[in-house]
């Protein structure tokens, strides 16, 4: 059991780093919708051969995918809007940092998972840090310059919580965790690709030519990131995996400053430290 716990922690942290890199690649591409479509499509193509080597999905797997696919579609739609409207170092911490609390609530209500009082305190501390990220520089919420972006980021957090609970159920219900992982990637591209075809039309070919490299890199990173997280779901509680994965917010803040020229200031640096402290408390609490 201890070895499984350590493996899950390592997978969660690795997932966090690759998640931040994947979103950086999409943001660098320019057109977020096209970037997400390339990410999802390339990930499906890269993983398609694996379908020949994992156990075939059964009725329980397809039922779980039936719940997970719309959750992922909601997440992707809100994510695209948030990243179109706001800085990576602003919207990413809000959308990812609020998700552990929502996932813990969902896990408790739908999966029968329990956390200690200290574990809940850790999630609450992390949530306070998310609020600090979103707090306007002048303190005036009514005239918040990023209100729309933050609204979409909050909606994305709900999407993350929905798919975390759905995926935790899926990897546990499937004949093998890898069956669910592979088949989820094989269907995940459909919604966002149809949206790109409908909304970009004549501009899609030009956007693909410009962004296929960054999109392909993001697709490979998403396999590493999400595959690691999904397997970790089969080892420990969904809320703990989500909390580990959301340490990606620190990487996103660093990448935003380094590669995108975004500035968050001292307040966001302190918030990142508080966020990590809250997530660490969740882990120690058990």
Protein backbone atom coordinates (compact mmCIF):
# COMPACT_ATOMS: atom_id res chain seq x y z
CA UNK A 1 0.00 0.00 0.00
CA UNK A 2 2.85 2.37 0.81
CA UNK A 3 4.45 1.68 -2.57
CA UNK A 4 1.15 2.41 -4.31
CA UNK A 5 0.86 5.68 -2.38
CA UNK A 6 4.37 6.76 -3.39
CA UNK A 7 3.75 5.81 -7.02
CA UNK A 8 0.52 7.81 -7.04
CA UNK A 9 2.29 10.86 -5.58
CA UNK A 10 5.07 10.63 -8.17
CA UNK A 11 2.52 10.27 -10.98
CA UNK A 12 0.52 13.23 -9.70
CA UNK A 13 3.58 15.50 -9.55
CA UNK A 14 4.78 14.39 -12.99
CA UNK A 15 1.29 15.01 -14.31
CA UNK A 16 1.41 18.56 -12.91
CA UNK A 17 4.61 19.47 -14.75
CA UNK A 18 3.52 18.03 -18.09
CA UNK A 19 0.07 19.62 -17.71
CA UNK A 20 1.65 23.07 -17.38
CA UNK A 21 3.90 22.45 -20.38
CA UNK A 22 0.92 21.27 -22.49
CA UNK A 23 -1.08 24.41 -21.72
CA UNK A 24 1.96 26.60 -22.37
CA UNK A 25 2.31 24.98 -25.80
CA UNK A 26 -1.36 25.70 -26.58
CA UNK A 27 -1.08 29.31 -25.38
CA UNK A 28 2.07 29.88 -27.45
CA UNK A 29 0.25 28.65 -30.55
CA UNK A 30 -2.03 31.69 -30.66
CA UNK A 31 -5.43 30.24 -31.58
CA UNK A 32 -6.52 28.39 -28.44
CA UNK A 33 -9.40 26.50 -30.08
CA UNK A 34 -7.23 25.20 -32.92
CA UNK A 35 -4.45 24.39 -30.48
CA UNK A 36 -6.78 22.31 -28.31
CA UNK A 37 -8.17 20.54 -31.39
CA UNK A 38 -4.66 19.60 -32.54
CA UNK A 39 -3.75 18.53 -29.00
CA UNK A 40 -6.75 16.21 -28.70
CA UNK A 41 -6.50 14.85 -32.24
CA UNK A 42 -2.78 14.15 -32.07
CA UNK A 43 -3.13 12.49 -28.67
CA UNK A 44 -5.83 10.19 -30.09
CA UNK A 45 -3.65 9.27 -33.08
CA UNK A 46 -0.61 8.61 -30.91
CA UNK A 47 -2.57 6.33 -28.57
CA UNK A 48 -4.71 4.56 -31.19
CA UNK A 49 -2.33 1.58 -31.59
CA UNK A 50 -2.51 0.95 -27.84
CA UNK A 51 -6.17 -0.05 -28.24
CA UNK A 52 -4.90 -3.33 -29.74
CA UNK A 53 -2.96 -4.20 -26.57
CA UNK A 54 -5.30 -3.31 -23.70
CA UNK A 55 -8.31 -5.37 -22.56
CA UNK A 56 -11.44 -4.55 -24.55
CA UNK A 57 -13.87 -2.16 -22.88
CA UNK A 58 -16.95 -3.73 -21.33
CA UNK A 59 -20.41 -2.30 -20.65
CA UNK A 60 -19.22 -0.64 -17.45
CA UNK A 61 -16.41 1.08 -19.34
CA UNK A 62 -18.74 2.46 -22.01
CA UNK A 63 -21.16 3.62 -19.33
CA UNK A 64 -18.33 5.45 -17.56
CA UNK A 65 -17.18 7.02 -20.84
CA UNK A 66 -20.75 8.14 -21.45
CA UNK A 67 -20.54 10.24 -18.28
CA UNK A 68 -16.95 11.35 -18.78
CA UNK A 69 -17.16 12.59 -22.39
CA UNK A 70 -19.64 15.44 -21.74
CA UNK A 71 -17.68 16.41 -18.61
CA UNK A 72 -14.53 16.72 -20.70
CA UNK A 73 -16.41 18.65 -23.37
CA UNK A 74 -17.66 21.17 -20.80
CA UNK A 75 -14.14 21.48 -19.43
CA UNK A 76 -12.59 22.10 -22.84
CA UNK A 77 -15.19 24.68 -23.87
CA UNK A 78 -14.68 26.70 -20.66
CA UNK A 79 -10.89 26.27 -20.77
CA UNK A 80 -10.69 27.67 -24.30
CA UNK A 81 -12.74 30.70 -23.31
CA UNK A 82 -10.67 31.34 -20.18
CA UNK A 83 -7.34 31.11 -22.00
CA UNK A 84 -8.59 33.34 -24.80
CA UNK A 85 -9.57 36.05 -22.32
CA UNK A 86 -6.82 36.00 -19.68
CA UNK A 87 -3.15 35.44 -18.91
CA UNK A 88 -2.02 31.85 -18.37
CA UNK A 89 -0.56 32.82 -14.97
CA UNK A 90 -3.94 34.24 -13.88
CA UNK A 91 -6.63 31.91 -15.20
CA UNK A 92 -4.66 28.67 -14.85
CA UNK A 93 -4.22 28.92 -11.04
CA UNK A 94 -7.91 29.72 -10.60
CA UNK A 95 -9.19 26.95 -12.86
CA UNK A 96 -6.84 24.31 -11.50
CA UNK A 97 -6.50 25.43 -7.89
CA UNK A 98 -10.23 25.50 -7.19
CA UNK A 99 -10.69 22.02 -8.63
CA UNK A 100 -9.35 19.96 -5.65
CA UNK A 101 -12.01 21.34 -3.31
CA UNK A 102 -14.76 20.64 -5.84
CA UNK A 103 -13.30 17.19 -6.55
CA UNK A 104 -13.19 16.37 -2.83
CA UNK A 105 -16.86 17.31 -2.50
CA UNK A 106 -17.75 15.27 -5.57
CA UNK A 107 -15.68 12.32 -4.37
CA UNK A 108 -17.39 12.41 -0.98
CA UNK A 109 -20.89 12.64 -2.45
CA UNK A 110 -20.55 10.31 -5.43
CA UNK A 111 -17.66 7.94 -4.70
CA UNK A 112 -17.96 7.52 -0.93
CA UNK A 113 -14.45 8.88 -0.30
CA UNK A 114 -13.58 10.46 3.05
CA UNK A 115 -10.95 12.97 4.15
CA UNK A 116 -9.79 13.92 7.63
CA UNK A 117 -10.40 17.35 9.11
CA UNK A 118 -6.77 18.25 8.36
CA UNK A 119 -7.25 17.15 4.78
CA UNK A 120 -10.25 19.43 4.38
CA UNK A 121 -8.24 22.23 6.01
CA UNK A 122 -5.51 21.74 3.41
CA UNK A 123 -8.01 21.98 0.57
CA UNK A 124 -9.54 25.10 2.15
CA UNK A 125 -6.07 26.70 2.43
CA UNK A 126 -5.43 25.96 -1.22
CA UNK A 127 -8.76 27.51 -2.12
CA UNK A 128 -7.87 30.69 -0.21
CA UNK A 129 -4.71 30.87 -2.31
CA UNK A 130 -6.82 30.66 -5.45
CA UNK A 131 -8.84 33.66 -4.27
CA UNK A 132 -5.57 35.53 -3.72
CA UNK A 133 -4.59 34.82 -7.32
CA UNK A 134 -7.88 36.24 -8.54
CA UNK A 135 -7.91 39.28 -6.23
CA UNK A 136 -7.83 42.52 -8.24
CA UNK A 137 -4.79 44.75 -7.75
CA UNK A 138 -6.94 47.69 -6.63
CA UNK A 139 -9.29 45.55 -4.55
CA UNK A 140 -12.36 46.65 -6.56
CA UNK A 141 -14.24 43.52 -7.59
CA UNK A 142 -16.97 45.44 -9.40
CA UNK A 143 -14.54 46.85 -11.93
CA UNK A 144 -12.29 43.78 -12.09
CA UNK A 145 -10.38 44.00 -15.40
CA UNK A 146 -10.32 40.22 -15.76
CA UNK A 147 -13.83 39.45 -14.52
CA UNK A 148 -14.89 37.61 -17.69
CA UNK A 149 -11.70 35.56 -17.84
CA UNK A 150 -12.04 34.63 -14.16
CA UNK A 151 -15.68 33.65 -14.68
CA UNK A 152 -14.65 31.22 -17.38
CA UNK A 153 -11.77 29.99 -15.19
CA UNK A 154 -14.22 29.24 -12.39
CA UNK A 155 -16.47 27.40 -14.84
CA UNK A 156 -13.42 25.44 -15.99
CA UNK A 157 -12.74 24.43 -12.39
CA UNK A 158 -16.23 22.95 -12.21
CA UNK A 159 -15.47 21.06 -15.43
CA UNK A 160 -12.22 19.75 -13.93
CA UNK A 161 -14.05 18.53 -10.83
CA UNK A 162 -16.71 16.83 -12.97
CA UNK A 163 -14.22 14.96 -15.10
CA UNK A 164 -12.03 14.06 -12.10
CA UNK A 165 -14.96 12.29 -10.44
CA UNK A 166 -16.10 10.70 -13.73
CA UNK A 167 -12.59 9.49 -14.58
CA UNK A 168 -11.89 8.17 -11.09
CA UNK A 169 -15.02 6.06 -11.46
CA UNK A 170 -14.02 5.01 -14.98
CA UNK A 171 -10.54 3.71 -14.23
CA UNK A 172 -11.96 1.69 -11.34
CA UNK A 173 -14.87 0.27 -13.34
CA UNK A 174 -12.93 -0.72 -16.48
CA UNK A 175 -11.31 -4.17 -16.94
CA UNK A 176 -7.95 -2.35 -16.71
CA UNK A 177 -7.13 1.29 -15.93
CA UNK A 178 -5.30 1.39 -19.27
CA UNK A 179 -8.47 0.38 -21.12
CA UNK A 180 -10.27 3.44 -19.85
CA UNK A 181 -7.26 5.73 -20.42
CA UNK A 182 -6.84 4.69 -24.06
CA UNK A 183 -10.52 4.79 -24.95
CA UNK A 184 -11.06 8.16 -23.30
CA UNK A 185 -8.33 9.65 -25.49
CA UNK A 186 -9.89 7.98 -28.54
CA UNK A 187 -13.19 9.84 -28.09
CA UNK A 188 -12.02 13.05 -26.40
CA UNK A 189 -11.02 14.78 -29.66
CA UNK A 190 -14.45 14.67 -31.29
CA UNK A 191 -16.19 17.64 -29.67
CA UNK A 192 -13.37 20.19 -29.83
CA UNK A 193 -12.47 19.18 -33.39
CA UNK A 194 -16.06 19.63 -34.60
CA UNK A 195 -16.11 23.04 -32.89
CA UNK A 196 -12.89 24.06 -34.67
CA UNK A 197 -14.26 22.92 -38.03
CA UNK A 198 -17.48 24.87 -37.50
CA UNK A 199 -16.02 28.08 -36.07
CA UNK A 200 -12.78 28.45 -38.04
CA UNK A 201 -13.87 27.20 -41.49
CA UNK A 202 -11.74 29.03 -44.08
CA UNK A 203 -9.08 29.95 -41.51
CA UNK A 204 -8.55 26.43 -40.21
CA UNK A 205 -5.99 25.29 -42.80
CA UNK A 206 -3.78 28.33 -42.22
CA UNK A 207 -4.04 27.93 -38.45
CA UNK A 208 -3.13 24.25 -38.71
CA UNK A 209 -0.03 25.06 -40.74
CA UNK A 210 1.10 27.58 -38.13
CA UNK A 211 0.27 25.56 -35.01
CA UNK A 212 0.72 21.88 -35.82
CA UNK A 213 4.13 21.66 -34.14
CA UNK A 214 3.04 23.20 -30.84
CA UNK A 215 -0.25 21.28 -30.99
CA UNK A 216 1.51 17.97 -31.57
CA UNK A 217 3.88 18.63 -28.69
CA UNK A 218 0.91 19.51 -26.48
CA UNK A 219 -0.83 16.28 -27.51
CA UNK A 220 2.16 14.14 -26.52
CA UNK A 221 2.44 16.03 -23.22
CA UNK A 222 -1.27 15.58 -22.54
CA UNK A 223 -0.91 11.81 -22.89
CA UNK A 224 1.87 11.83 -20.31
CA UNK A 225 0.02 14.22 -18.02
CA UNK A 226 -3.49 12.85 -18.13
CA UNK A 227 -2.43 9.22 -18.43
CA UNK A 228 -0.38 9.56 -15.26
CA UNK A 229 -3.26 11.22 -13.42
CA UNK A 230 -5.81 8.62 -14.56
CA UNK A 231 -3.62 5.74 -13.41
CA UNK A 232 -3.07 7.48 -10.07
CA UNK A 233 -6.87 7.62 -9.68
CA UNK A 234 -6.83 3.82 -9.50
CA UNK A 235 -4.36 3.92 -6.59
CA UNK A 236 -5.53 6.65 -4.19
CA UNK A 237 -8.48 9.00 -3.57
CA UNK A 238 -9.53 11.27 -6.45
CA UNK A 239 -9.21 14.42 -4.31
CA UNK A 240 -5.57 13.64 -3.48
CA UNK A 241 -4.65 13.04 -7.12
CA UNK A 242 -6.39 16.26 -8.11
CA UNK A 243 -4.53 18.17 -5.40
CA UNK A 244 -1.15 16.84 -6.53
CA UNK A 245 -1.93 17.63 -10.15
CA UNK A 246 -2.91 21.18 -9.32
CA UNK A 247 0.64 22.00 -8.23
CA UNK A 248 0.84 22.70 -11.97
CA UNK A 249 -0.31 26.23 -11.11
CA UNK A 250 3.14 27.05 -9.80
CA UNK A 251 4.75 25.87 -13.02
CA UNK A 252 2.18 27.80 -15.05
CA UNK A 253 2.96 31.00 -13.15
CA UNK A 254 6.67 30.52 -13.81
CA UNK A 255 6.14 29.65 -17.48
CA UNK A 256 3.83 32.63 -17.95
CA UNK A 257 6.50 34.99 -16.65
CA UNK A 258 9.38 33.31 -18.48
CA UNK A 259 7.91 32.53 -21.89
CA UNK A 260 4.85 34.79 -22.24
CA UNK A 261 6.09 37.94 -20.54
CA UNK A 262 3.27 37.89 -17.97
CA UNK A 263 3.74 39.58 -14.61
CA UNK A 264 2.01 38.42 -11.46
CA UNK A 265 3.86 40.31 -8.77
CA UNK A 266 4.72 39.37 -5.20
CA UNK A 267 1.10 38.61 -4.30
CA UNK A 268 0.90 35.75 -6.79
CA UNK A 269 4.22 34.34 -5.61
CA UNK A 270 2.96 34.28 -2.02
CA UNK A 271 -0.32 32.76 -3.19
CA UNK A 272 1.61 30.00 -4.98
CA UNK A 273 3.48 29.16 -1.76
CA UNK A 274 0.21 29.06 0.21
CA UNK A 275 -1.36 26.88 -2.45
CA UNK A 276 1.47 24.35 -2.31
CA UNK A 277 1.29 24.39 1.53
CA UNK A 278 -2.41 23.58 1.42
CA UNK A 279 -1.88 20.74 -1.04
CA UNK A 280 0.99 19.37 1.06
CA UNK A 281 -1.25 19.43 4.15
CA UNK A 282 -3.80 17.40 2.26
CA UNK A 283 -1.18 14.75 1.52
CA UNK A 284 0.22 14.61 5.05
CA UNK A 285 -3.27 14.43 6.56
CA UNK A 286 -3.95 11.16 4.81
